[in-house]
Amino acid sequence: SICFDSLPTVVLDAMAVGRPAIASIFGGSRELIADGETGYVVDPFDVPAVAGRLAELLTDAPRADALGAAGRARLMREFSTAQMIQQYEQLAKI
């Protein structure tokens, strides 16, 4: 996307089902995806870069699976409901 989305839930959805995401540098995707570890963050105006990342994931299933598994683990560790409640409770103590 070239639009600013502060929290692109499609990235969280992909992580939840263990699929790697390729997302835009615009908006909150950069905070959700660890580039090269849980998916890819690309400039959507750099068509060769977007195409290259897509081609990589479509032709390298083990790599795609590894990124997806790492994304799911990150989601469970950092973005789960339990984790968010814990963070809110910490803020309430301040």
Protein backbone atom coordinates (compact mmCIF):
# COMPACT_ATOMS: atom_id res chain seq x y z
CA SER A 1 0.00 0.00 0.00
CA ILE A 2 1.05 3.56 -0.57
CA CYS A 3 -1.45 4.75 2.02
CA PHE A 4 -0.50 5.32 5.62
CA ASP A 5 -2.03 2.66 7.87
CA SER A 6 -0.95 2.97 11.47
CA LEU A 7 -1.73 -0.67 12.31
CA PRO A 8 -2.22 -2.87 9.25
CA THR A 9 -4.17 -5.79 10.69
CA VAL A 10 -3.58 -7.83 7.52
CA VAL A 11 0.04 -8.17 8.69
CA LEU A 12 -1.14 -9.47 12.08
CA ASP A 13 -3.53 -11.84 10.28
CA ALA A 14 -0.66 -13.24 8.19
CA MET A 15 1.47 -13.67 11.29
CA ALA A 16 -1.38 -15.42 13.11
CA VAL A 17 -1.55 -18.13 10.45
CA GLY A 18 2.22 -18.43 10.06
CA ARG A 19 2.54 -16.77 6.67
CA PRO A 20 5.22 -14.24 5.79
CA ALA A 21 4.06 -10.76 4.85
CA ILE A 22 5.52 -8.33 2.37
CA ALA A 23 4.44 -4.89 3.48
CA SER A 24 4.94 -1.24 2.70
CA ILE A 25 7.48 1.04 4.33
CA PHE A 26 4.58 3.42 4.92
CA GLY A 27 2.69 3.19 8.19
CA GLY A 28 2.96 0.71 11.01
CA SER A 29 4.17 -2.34 9.08
CA ARG A 30 7.76 -1.46 9.96
CA GLU A 31 6.91 -1.91 13.63
CA LEU A 32 5.19 -5.25 13.11
CA ILE A 33 7.57 -6.95 10.69
CA ALA A 34 11.21 -7.60 11.49
CA ASP A 35 12.52 -7.15 7.95
CA GLY A 36 14.19 -10.31 6.73
CA GLU A 37 13.25 -12.22 9.89
CA THR A 38 9.44 -12.37 9.94
CA GLY A 39 8.67 -10.98 6.48
CA TYR A 40 9.76 -8.11 4.30
CA VAL A 41 9.21 -4.36 4.35
CA VAL A 42 9.59 -2.77 0.92
CA ASP A 43 9.11 0.54 -0.82
CA PRO A 44 5.94 -0.03 -2.88
CA PHE A 45 7.30 2.31 -5.56
CA ASP A 46 10.32 0.03 -6.04
CA VAL A 47 8.61 -2.48 -8.32
CA PRO A 48 11.69 -4.67 -8.85
CA ALA A 49 12.15 -5.00 -5.07
CA VAL A 50 8.50 -5.94 -4.52
CA ALA A 51 8.61 -8.43 -7.40
CA GLY A 52 11.87 -9.89 -6.14
CA ARG A 53 10.52 -10.50 -2.65
CA LEU A 54 7.34 -12.05 -4.05
CA ALA A 55 9.34 -14.29 -6.36
CA GLU A 56 11.61 -15.33 -3.49
CA LEU A 57 8.71 -16.41 -1.29
CA LEU A 58 6.91 -18.17 -4.13
CA THR A 59 9.98 -20.16 -5.17
CA ASP A 60 11.64 -20.83 -1.82
CA ALA A 61 9.07 -22.63 0.33
CA PRO A 62 11.50 -23.37 3.19
CA ARG A 63 12.38 -19.67 3.42
CA ALA A 64 8.70 -18.66 3.33
CA ASP A 65 7.91 -21.24 6.02
CA ALA A 66 10.76 -20.02 8.22
CA LEU A 67 9.66 -16.38 7.94
CA GLY A 68 6.07 -17.37 8.64
CA ALA A 69 6.99 -19.41 11.71
CA ALA A 70 9.14 -16.57 13.04
CA GLY A 71 6.28 -14.14 12.44
CA ARG A 72 3.83 -16.31 14.35
CA ALA A 73 6.28 -16.66 17.23
CA ARG A 74 6.75 -12.87 17.31
CA LEU A 75 3.00 -12.30 17.24
CA MET A 76 2.47 -14.65 20.18
CA ARG A 77 5.39 -13.16 22.10
CA GLU A 78 4.79 -9.44 21.47
CA PHE A 79 1.28 -8.86 20.17
CA SER A 80 -0.94 -11.39 21.93
CA THR A 81 -3.93 -10.26 23.97
CA ALA A 82 -2.20 -11.39 27.16
CA GLN A 83 0.90 -9.38 26.28
CA MET A 84 -1.14 -6.27 25.50
CA ILE A 85 -3.04 -6.55 28.80
CA GLN A 86 0.25 -6.86 30.64
CA GLN A 87 1.57 -3.74 28.89
CA TYR A 88 -1.58 -1.77 29.74
CA GLU A 89 -1.28 -2.84 33.37
CA GLN A 90 2.31 -1.60 33.41
CA LEU A 91 1.19 1.76 32.01
CA ALA A 92 -1.49 2.03 34.70
CA LYS A 93 1.20 1.75 37.38
CA ILE A 94 3.06 4.79 36.07
